[in-house]
Amino acid sequence: MDVVILVLLLLFLFSDTMLLYIVTTFVVTCLSLAHAQFGEGNANAFVDEILADVKKTGNDEIKLENEKFVLIIDLLLISPQLELEVRNGVFRGLNSLNRSSDAIVTYDESNGAPVFTIKNSMLLSNVRMRANAQGKVKGFGFDLTMPNIVLNVLIDGVDVASVIDIDISDLTGLKPKVRSVELSDVGHIDVQVTGLGNEGDALASPISTLVVNTTKRDLQNLVQPMIKDTLQKFFEKNIPADISQIFG
């Protein structure tokens, strides 16, 4: 009893310091328990929930800017120029994102803050691009206007790697942040050029090569940041109430 009274007296005399100590000890204990309980596992259900929401609320398409290109056409004896204008381009199928690996969770506090990190791979499986184009061939001593053509692109699959950090320094306010989204692999890109006619066969190959290269560029410069932004917006609206929501 004397010991209890002495402890209470000390708490009363040094309430601010002792309260800080108690709270600090409590937080450290909770973090240790969280690490011990969850350790390294997966967050498959949590990531699937994110992607299900993205499919419902995210953008399924990106409209592309009109562009003009100059291509050199190799016809053995001469190399005329093709001035090509690509218009009304649209990427579609961007909400076909699905988890393609376990969402691995690791814990780290080496930088001073306790952070759970979720790493996983996703797959864009139904990405398409469609655009109209028209051009002129120069180099024959006169300009040859080619017919209007349609470019249809089908991408076999796009592997997407993501890293999400969840700062749990404040147990009453978790802080999820999408650290990175990277296109780790782009599958076969099939290009169909329609409308050239038999006379335009020599133009089909250089046009297809151009479209493959610009498709890869647009995936990197437009689709990749769009995915990252969409994931981050999900967290801004759906912050997990506690760390147990993340683990499956």
C-alpha atoms as a PDB file:
ATOM      1  CA  MET A   1       0.000   0.000   0.000  1.00  0.00           C
ATOM      2  CA  ASP A   2       2.846   2.374   0.849  1.00  0.00           C
ATOM      3  CA  VAL A   3       4.392   1.733  -2.533  1.00  0.00           C
ATOM      4  CA  VAL A   4       1.112   2.511  -4.336  1.00  0.00           C
ATOM      5  CA  ILE A   5       0.738   5.769  -2.396  1.00  0.00           C
ATOM      6  CA  LEU A   6       4.314   6.707  -3.243  1.00  0.00           C
ATOM      7  CA  VAL A   7       3.735   6.051  -6.964  1.00  0.00           C
ATOM      8  CA  LEU A   8       0.533   8.116  -6.959  1.00  0.00           C
ATOM      9  CA  LEU A   9       2.349  10.926  -5.192  1.00  0.00           C
ATOM     10  CA  LEU A  10       5.124  10.933  -7.754  1.00  0.00           C
ATOM     11  CA  LEU A  11       2.560  10.964 -10.590  1.00  0.00           C
ATOM     12  CA  PHE A  12       0.875  13.947  -8.968  1.00  0.00           C
ATOM     13  CA  LEU A  13       4.115  15.875  -8.431  1.00  0.00           C
ATOM     14  CA  PHE A  14       5.536  15.149 -11.838  1.00  0.00           C
ATOM     15  CA  SER A  15       2.307  14.745 -13.774  1.00  0.00           C
ATOM     16  CA  ASP A  16       3.433  16.345 -17.044  1.00  0.00           C
ATOM     17  CA  THR A  17       6.670  14.431 -17.280  1.00  0.00           C
ATOM     18  CA  MET A  18       5.132  11.175 -16.151  1.00  0.00           C
ATOM     19  CA  LEU A  19       2.165  11.530 -18.495  1.00  0.00           C
ATOM     20  CA  LEU A  20       4.485  12.051 -21.419  1.00  0.00           C
ATOM     21  CA  TYR A  21       6.485   9.024 -20.388  1.00  0.00           C
ATOM     22  CA  ILE A  22       3.382   6.872 -20.017  1.00  0.00           C
ATOM     23  CA  VAL A  23       1.965   7.928 -23.372  1.00  0.00           C
ATOM     24  CA  THR A  24       5.310   7.392 -25.081  1.00  0.00           C
ATOM     25  CA  THR A  25       5.656   3.954 -23.536  1.00  0.00           C
ATOM     26  CA  PHE A  26       2.102   3.102 -24.589  1.00  0.00           C
ATOM     27  CA  VAL A  27       2.692   4.104 -28.199  1.00  0.00           C
ATOM     28  CA  VAL A  28       5.974   2.187 -28.403  1.00  0.00           C
ATOM     29  CA  THR A  29       4.301  -0.864 -26.892  1.00  0.00           C
ATOM     30  CA  CYS A  30       1.426  -0.664 -29.382  1.00  0.00           C
ATOM     31  CA  LEU A  31       3.828  -0.433 -32.288  1.00  0.00           C
ATOM     32  CA  SER A  32       5.818  -3.396 -31.010  1.00  0.00           C
ATOM     33  CA  LEU A  33       2.614  -5.403 -30.634  1.00  0.00           C
ATOM     34  CA  ALA A  34       1.527  -4.433 -34.141  1.00  0.00           C
ATOM     35  CA  HIS A  35       4.835  -5.563 -35.546  1.00  0.00           C
ATOM     36  CA  ALA A  36       4.728  -8.771 -33.546  1.00  0.00           C
ATOM     37  CA  GLN A  37       1.142  -9.467 -34.533  1.00  0.00           C
ATOM     38  CA  PHE A  38       1.333  -8.610 -38.232  1.00  0.00           C
ATOM     39  CA  GLY A  39       5.056  -8.847 -38.962  1.00  0.00           C
ATOM     40  CA  GLU A  40       5.500  -9.388 -42.666  1.00  0.00           C
ATOM     41  CA  GLY A  41       2.451 -10.704 -44.478  1.00  0.00           C
ATOM     42  CA  ASN A  42       0.133  -9.655 -47.251  1.00  0.00           C
ATOM     43  CA  ALA A  43      -2.472  -6.991 -47.818  1.00  0.00           C
ATOM     44  CA  ASN A  44      -4.241  -8.714 -50.696  1.00  0.00           C
ATOM     45  CA  ALA A  45      -7.776  -7.938 -49.537  1.00  0.00           C
ATOM     46  CA  PHE A  46      -6.878  -4.307 -48.891  1.00  0.00           C
ATOM     47  CA  VAL A  47      -5.324  -3.814 -52.356  1.00  0.00           C
ATOM     48  CA  ASP A  48      -8.253  -5.606 -54.001  1.00  0.00           C
ATOM     49  CA  GLU A  49     -10.602  -3.185 -52.238  1.00  0.00           C
ATOM     50  CA  ILE A  50      -8.602  -0.245 -53.603  1.00  0.00           C
ATOM     51  CA  LEU A  51      -8.691  -1.593 -57.163  1.00  0.00           C
ATOM     52  CA  ALA A  52     -12.412  -2.342 -56.961  1.00  0.00           C
ATOM     53  CA  ASP A  53     -13.006   1.294 -56.036  1.00  0.00           C
ATOM     54  CA  VAL A  54     -10.707   2.473 -58.839  1.00  0.00           C
ATOM     55  CA  LYS A  55     -12.754   0.478 -61.352  1.00  0.00           C
ATOM     56  CA  LYS A  56     -15.933   2.195 -60.184  1.00  0.00           C
ATOM     57  CA  THR A  57     -14.687   5.753 -59.825  1.00  0.00           C
ATOM     58  CA  GLY A  58     -11.455   6.029 -61.845  1.00  0.00           C
ATOM     59  CA  ASN A  59     -11.055   7.289 -65.397  1.00  0.00           C
ATOM     60  CA  ASP A  60     -11.282   4.600 -68.045  1.00  0.00           C
ATOM     61  CA  GLU A  61      -9.787   6.741 -70.802  1.00  0.00           C
ATOM     62  CA  ILE A  62      -7.258   9.449 -71.606  1.00  0.00           C
ATOM     63  CA  LYS A  63      -7.659  11.733 -74.599  1.00  0.00           C
ATOM     64  CA  LEU A  64      -4.431  12.406 -76.473  1.00  0.00           C
ATOM     65  CA  GLU A  65      -3.212  15.661 -77.993  1.00  0.00           C
ATOM     66  CA  ASN A  66      -3.139  15.959 -81.787  1.00  0.00           C
ATOM     67  CA  GLU A  67       0.411  15.565 -83.110  1.00  0.00           C
ATOM     68  CA  LYS A  68       2.368  15.963 -86.325  1.00  0.00           C
ATOM     69  CA  PHE A  69       5.283  13.752 -87.354  1.00  0.00           C
ATOM     70  CA  VAL A  70       7.745  13.591 -90.245  1.00  0.00           C
ATOM     71  CA  LEU A  71       8.819  10.103 -91.357  1.00  0.00           C
ATOM     72  CA  ILE A  72      11.422   9.064 -93.911  1.00  0.00           C
ATOM     73  CA  ILE A  73      10.091   6.320 -96.187  1.00  0.00           C
ATOM     74  CA  ASP A  74      12.752   3.988 -97.592  1.00  0.00           C
ATOM     75  CA  LEU A  75      11.789   3.057-101.163  1.00  0.00           C
ATOM     76  CA  LEU A  76      15.278   1.852-102.178  1.00  0.00           C
ATOM     77  CA  LEU A  77      15.963   4.386-104.943  1.00  0.00           C
ATOM     78  CA  ILE A  78      14.367   7.350-103.220  1.00  0.00           C
ATOM     79  CA  SER A  79      13.462   8.299 -99.649  1.00  0.00           C
ATOM     80  CA  PRO A  80      10.405  10.540 -99.668  1.00  0.00           C
ATOM     81  CA  GLN A  81       9.035  12.202 -96.530  1.00  0.00           C
ATOM     82  CA  LEU A  82       5.683  11.445 -94.983  1.00  0.00           C
ATOM     83  CA  GLU A  83       4.153  14.311 -93.036  1.00  0.00           C
ATOM     84  CA  LEU A  84       1.619  12.586 -90.800  1.00  0.00           C
ATOM     85  CA  GLU A  85      -0.968  14.215 -88.545  1.00  0.00           C
ATOM     86  CA  VAL A  86      -2.496  12.017 -85.845  1.00  0.00           C
ATOM     87  CA  ARG A  87      -5.802  13.280 -84.405  1.00  0.00           C
ATOM     88  CA  ASN A  88      -8.480  12.329 -81.873  1.00  0.00           C
ATOM     89  CA  GLY A  89      -6.380   9.713 -80.106  1.00  0.00           C
ATOM     90  CA  VAL A  90      -7.896   7.999 -77.067  1.00  0.00           C
ATOM     91  CA  PHE A  91      -6.505   5.414 -74.630  1.00  0.00           C
ATOM     92  CA  ARG A  92      -9.235   3.156 -73.208  1.00  0.00           C
ATOM     93  CA  GLY A  93      -9.372   0.241 -70.764  1.00  0.00           C
ATOM     94  CA  LEU A  94      -7.437   1.975 -67.999  1.00  0.00           C
ATOM     95  CA  ASN A  95      -9.752   0.665 -65.285  1.00  0.00           C
ATOM     96  CA  SER A  96      -8.857  -2.944 -66.155  1.00  0.00           C
ATOM     97  CA  LEU A  97      -6.245  -2.868 -63.378  1.00  0.00           C
ATOM     98  CA  ASN A  98      -6.070  -6.054 -61.291  1.00  0.00           C
ATOM     99  CA  ARG A  99      -3.636  -7.364 -58.695  1.00  0.00           C
ATOM    100  CA  SER A 100      -1.273  -9.917 -60.261  1.00  0.00           C
ATOM    101  CA  SER A 101       0.847 -10.813 -57.212  1.00  0.00           C
ATOM    102  CA  ASP A 102       0.617 -10.938 -53.454  1.00  0.00           C
ATOM    103  CA  ALA A 103       0.643  -7.496 -51.851  1.00  0.00           C
ATOM    104  CA  ILE A 104       3.644  -8.013 -49.578  1.00  0.00           C
ATOM    105  CA  VAL A 105       3.757  -5.984 -46.349  1.00  0.00           C
ATOM    106  CA  THR A 106       6.992  -5.120 -44.568  1.00  0.00           C
ATOM    107  CA  TYR A 107       7.682  -3.007 -41.474  1.00  0.00           C
ATOM    108  CA  ASP A 108      10.536  -0.566 -41.022  1.00  0.00           C
ATOM    109  CA  GLU A 109      11.469   2.181 -38.580  1.00  0.00           C
ATOM    110  CA  SER A 110      15.103   2.732 -39.596  1.00  0.00           C
ATOM    111  CA  ASN A 111      14.374   6.324 -40.660  1.00  0.00           C
ATOM    112  CA  GLY A 112      12.925   7.160 -37.264  1.00  0.00           C
ATOM    113  CA  ALA A 113       9.236   6.748 -38.132  1.00  0.00           C
ATOM    114  CA  PRO A 114       7.359   3.424 -38.003  1.00  0.00           C
ATOM    115  CA  VAL A 115       6.177   2.619 -41.521  1.00  0.00           C
ATOM    116  CA  PHE A 116       4.394  -0.327 -43.078  1.00  0.00           C
ATOM    117  CA  THR A 117       5.180  -0.705 -46.792  1.00  0.00           C
ATOM    118  CA  ILE A 118       2.973  -2.541 -49.297  1.00  0.00           C
ATOM    119  CA  LYS A 119       4.610  -3.732 -52.525  1.00  0.00           C
ATOM    120  CA  ASN A 120       2.653  -5.467 -55.223  1.00  0.00           C
ATOM    121  CA  SER A 121       2.304  -5.986 -58.960  1.00  0.00           C
ATOM    122  CA  MET A 122      -0.788  -5.181 -60.979  1.00  0.00           C
ATOM    123  CA  LEU A 123      -1.824  -5.845 -64.565  1.00  0.00           C
ATOM    124  CA  LEU A 124      -3.562  -3.609 -67.075  1.00  0.00           C
ATOM    125  CA  SER A 125      -5.086  -6.276 -69.294  1.00  0.00           C
ATOM    126  CA  ASN A 126      -7.379  -4.497 -71.733  1.00  0.00           C
ATOM    127  CA  VAL A 127      -5.660  -1.318 -72.898  1.00  0.00           C
ATOM    128  CA  ARG A 128      -6.534  -0.019 -76.363  1.00  0.00           C
ATOM    129  CA  MET A 129      -5.762   3.114 -78.357  1.00  0.00           C
ATOM    130  CA  ARG A 130      -7.613   4.466 -81.346  1.00  0.00           C
ATOM    131  CA  ALA A 131      -6.789   7.501 -83.497  1.00  0.00           C
ATOM    132  CA  ASN A 132      -7.385   9.016 -86.913  1.00  0.00           C
ATOM    133  CA  ALA A 133      -4.558  10.124 -89.181  1.00  0.00           C
ATOM    134  CA  GLN A 134      -3.899  11.786 -92.512  1.00  0.00           C
ATOM    135  CA  GLY A 135      -0.710  12.718 -94.278  1.00  0.00           C
ATOM    136  CA  LYS A 136       1.165  13.915 -97.350  1.00  0.00           C
ATOM    137  CA  VAL A 137       4.086  12.225 -99.070  1.00  0.00           C
ATOM    138  CA  LYS A 138       6.715  14.616-100.432  1.00  0.00           C
ATOM    139  CA  GLY A 139       9.771  13.893-102.501  1.00  0.00           C
ATOM    140  CA  PHE A 140       8.407  12.835-105.875  1.00  0.00           C
ATOM    141  CA  GLY A 141       8.459  16.354-107.286  1.00  0.00           C
ATOM    142  CA  PHE A 142       4.856  16.726-106.186  1.00  0.00           C
ATOM    143  CA  ASP A 143       2.811  16.154-103.010  1.00  0.00           C
ATOM    144  CA  LEU A 144       0.768  12.991-102.705  1.00  0.00           C
ATOM    145  CA  THR A 145      -2.103  13.214-100.228  1.00  0.00           C
ATOM    146  CA  MET A 146      -2.822   9.900 -98.560  1.00  0.00           C
ATOM    147  CA  PRO A 147      -6.388   8.890 -97.605  1.00  0.00           C
ATOM    148  CA  ASN A 148      -7.744   9.229 -94.089  1.00  0.00           C
ATOM    149  CA  ILE A 149      -6.657   6.231 -92.047  1.00  0.00           C
ATOM    150  CA  VAL A 150      -7.593   4.726 -88.694  1.00  0.00           C
ATOM    151  CA  LEU A 151      -5.047   3.472 -86.172  1.00  0.00           C
ATOM    152  CA  ASN A 152      -6.217   0.715 -83.833  1.00  0.00           C
ATOM    153  CA  VAL A 153      -3.825  -0.409 -81.122  1.00  0.00           C
ATOM    154  CA  LEU A 154      -4.194  -3.357 -78.739  1.00  0.00           C
ATOM    155  CA  ILE A 155      -1.678  -3.820 -75.916  1.00  0.00           C
ATOM    156  CA  ASP A 156      -1.231  -7.403 -74.765  1.00  0.00           C
ATOM    157  CA  GLY A 157      -0.733  -6.365 -71.132  1.00  0.00           C
ATOM    158  CA  VAL A 158       1.034  -3.807 -68.989  1.00  0.00           C
ATOM    159  CA  ASP A 159       2.695  -4.853 -65.713  1.00  0.00           C
ATOM    160  CA  VAL A 160       2.509  -2.151 -63.043  1.00  0.00           C
ATOM    161  CA  ALA A 161       4.579  -2.193 -59.839  1.00  0.00           C
ATOM    162  CA  SER A 162       3.445  -0.050 -56.924  1.00  0.00           C
ATOM    163  CA  VAL A 163       4.875   0.851 -53.511  1.00  0.00           C
ATOM    164  CA  ILE A 164       2.593   2.278 -50.806  1.00  0.00           C
ATOM    165  CA  ASP A 165       3.924   3.562 -47.485  1.00  0.00           C
ATOM    166  CA  ILE A 166       1.685   3.845 -44.399  1.00  0.00           C
ATOM    167  CA  ASP A 167       3.149   6.006 -41.648  1.00  0.00           C
ATOM    168  CA  ILE A 168       1.768   4.868 -38.270  1.00  0.00           C
ATOM    169  CA  SER A 169       3.554   7.406 -36.067  1.00  0.00           C
ATOM    170  CA  ASP A 170       0.116   8.660 -35.063  1.00  0.00           C
ATOM    171  CA  LEU A 171      -2.089   5.658 -34.314  1.00  0.00           C
ATOM    172  CA  THR A 172      -5.186   7.872 -34.467  1.00  0.00           C
ATOM    173  CA  GLY A 173      -4.364   9.109 -37.963  1.00  0.00           C
ATOM    174  CA  LEU A 174      -2.631   6.748 -40.372  1.00  0.00           C
ATOM    175  CA  LYS A 175      -0.878   8.446 -43.284  1.00  0.00           C
ATOM    176  CA  PRO A 176      -0.909   6.359 -46.481  1.00  0.00           C
ATOM    177  CA  LYS A 177       1.181   7.641 -49.396  1.00  0.00           C
ATOM    178  CA  VAL A 178       1.792   6.152 -52.825  1.00  0.00           C
ATOM    179  CA  ARG A 179       5.576   6.242 -53.008  1.00  0.00           C
ATOM    180  CA  SER A 180       5.891   5.025 -56.581  1.00  0.00           C
ATOM    181  CA  VAL A 181       4.091   3.494 -59.544  1.00  0.00           C
ATOM    182  CA  GLU A 182       6.245   2.065 -62.316  1.00  0.00           C
ATOM    183  CA  LEU A 183       5.404   0.304 -65.579  1.00  0.00           C
ATOM    184  CA  SER A 184       7.690  -2.686 -65.161  1.00  0.00           C
ATOM    185  CA  ASP A 185       6.855  -4.349 -68.485  1.00  0.00           C
ATOM    186  CA  VAL A 186       4.787  -3.594 -71.588  1.00  0.00           C
ATOM    187  CA  GLY A 187       3.522  -6.569 -73.568  1.00  0.00           C
ATOM    188  CA  HIS A 188       3.208  -6.913 -77.328  1.00  0.00           C
ATOM    189  CA  ILE A 189       1.677  -3.876 -79.035  1.00  0.00           C
ATOM    190  CA  ASP A 190      -0.425  -4.809 -82.051  1.00  0.00           C
ATOM    191  CA  VAL A 191      -1.087  -1.987 -84.542  1.00  0.00           C
ATOM    192  CA  GLN A 192      -3.666  -2.164 -87.301  1.00  0.00           C
ATOM    193  CA  VAL A 193      -3.617   0.549 -89.971  1.00  0.00           C
ATOM    194  CA  THR A 194      -6.825   0.615 -91.990  1.00  0.00           C
ATOM    195  CA  GLY A 195      -7.685   2.770 -94.971  1.00  0.00           C
ATOM    196  CA  LEU A 196      -4.331   2.852 -96.793  1.00  0.00           C
ATOM    197  CA  GLY A 197      -5.316   0.551 -99.637  1.00  0.00           C
ATOM    198  CA  ASN A 198      -2.913  -1.630-101.591  1.00  0.00           C
ATOM    199  CA  GLU A 199      -0.992   1.394-102.862  1.00  0.00           C
ATOM    200  CA  GLY A 200      -0.083   2.376 -99.317  1.00  0.00           C
ATOM    201  CA  ASP A 201       1.575  -0.866 -98.209  1.00  0.00           C
ATOM    202  CA  ALA A 202       4.984   0.815 -98.121  1.00  0.00           C
ATOM    203  CA  LEU A 203       3.649   3.297 -95.550  1.00  0.00           C
ATOM    204  CA  ALA A 204       2.136   0.717 -93.174  1.00  0.00           C
ATOM    205  CA  SER A 205       5.416  -0.435 -91.593  1.00  0.00           C
ATOM    206  CA  PRO A 206       6.899   3.006 -90.731  1.00  0.00           C
ATOM    207  CA  ILE A 207       3.507   4.199 -89.466  1.00  0.00           C
ATOM    208  CA  SER A 208       3.160   1.094 -87.264  1.00  0.00           C
ATOM    209  CA  THR A 209       6.670   1.590 -85.852  1.00  0.00           C
ATOM    210  CA  LEU A 210       5.838   5.219 -85.043  1.00  0.00           C
ATOM    211  CA  VAL A 211       2.611   4.231 -83.313  1.00  0.00           C
ATOM    212  CA  VAL A 212       4.355   1.562 -81.202  1.00  0.00           C
ATOM    213  CA  ASN A 213       6.938   4.099 -80.011  1.00  0.00           C
ATOM    214  CA  THR A 214       4.404   6.825 -79.230  1.00  0.00           C
ATOM    215  CA  THR A 215       2.184   4.304 -77.436  1.00  0.00           C
ATOM    216  CA  LYS A 216       5.065   3.321 -75.143  1.00  0.00           C
ATOM    217  CA  ARG A 217       5.831   7.007 -74.566  1.00  0.00           C
ATOM    218  CA  ASP A 218       2.205   7.825 -73.684  1.00  0.00           C
ATOM    219  CA  LEU A 219       1.943   4.857 -71.336  1.00  0.00           C
ATOM    220  CA  GLN A 220       4.995   6.166 -69.500  1.00  0.00           C
ATOM    221  CA  ASN A 221       4.141   9.873 -69.526  1.00  0.00           C
ATOM    222  CA  LEU A 222       0.346   9.786 -69.190  1.00  0.00           C
ATOM    223  CA  VAL A 223      -0.950   6.438 -67.941  1.00  0.00           C
ATOM    224  CA  GLN A 224       1.676   5.826 -65.257  1.00  0.00           C
ATOM    225  CA  PRO A 225       1.149   9.158 -63.413  1.00  0.00           C
ATOM    226  CA  MET A 226      -2.618   8.805 -63.823  1.00  0.00           C
ATOM    227  CA  ILE A 227      -2.550   5.457 -61.985  1.00  0.00           C
ATOM    228  CA  LYS A 228      -0.449   6.928 -59.176  1.00  0.00           C
ATOM    229  CA  ASP A 229      -2.750   9.930 -58.844  1.00  0.00           C
ATOM    230  CA  THR A 230      -5.854   7.721 -58.814  1.00  0.00           C
ATOM    231  CA  LEU A 231      -4.443   5.513 -56.042  1.00  0.00           C
ATOM    232  CA  GLN A 232      -3.452   8.543 -53.953  1.00  0.00           C
ATOM    233  CA  LYS A 233      -6.923  10.073 -54.339  1.00  0.00           C
ATOM    234  CA  PHE A 234      -8.404   6.837 -53.003  1.00  0.00           C
ATOM    235  CA  PHE A 235      -6.369   7.209 -49.803  1.00  0.00           C
ATOM    236  CA  GLU A 236      -7.339  10.850 -49.413  1.00  0.00           C
ATOM    237  CA  LYS A 237     -10.987   9.793 -49.308  1.00  0.00           C
ATOM    238  CA  ASN A 238     -10.591   6.408 -47.588  1.00  0.00           C
ATOM    239  CA  ILE A 239      -7.948   6.612 -44.870  1.00  0.00           C
ATOM    240  CA  PRO A 240      -7.858   3.299 -42.953  1.00  0.00           C
ATOM    241  CA  ALA A 241      -9.262   3.634 -39.442  1.00  0.00           C
ATOM    242  CA  ASP A 242      -6.558   1.403 -38.018  1.00  0.00           C
ATOM    243  CA  ILE A 243      -3.728  -0.821 -39.142  1.00  0.00           C
ATOM    244  CA  SER A 244      -5.783  -4.025 -38.851  1.00  0.00           C
ATOM    245  CA  GLN A 245      -7.777  -3.006 -41.963  1.00  0.00           C
ATOM    246  CA  ILE A 246      -4.701  -3.435 -44.106  1.00  0.00           C
ATOM    247  CA  PHE A 247      -3.754  -7.016 -43.338  1.00  0.00           C
ATOM    248  CA  GLY A 248      -5.360 -10.109 -44.759  1.00  0.00           C
END
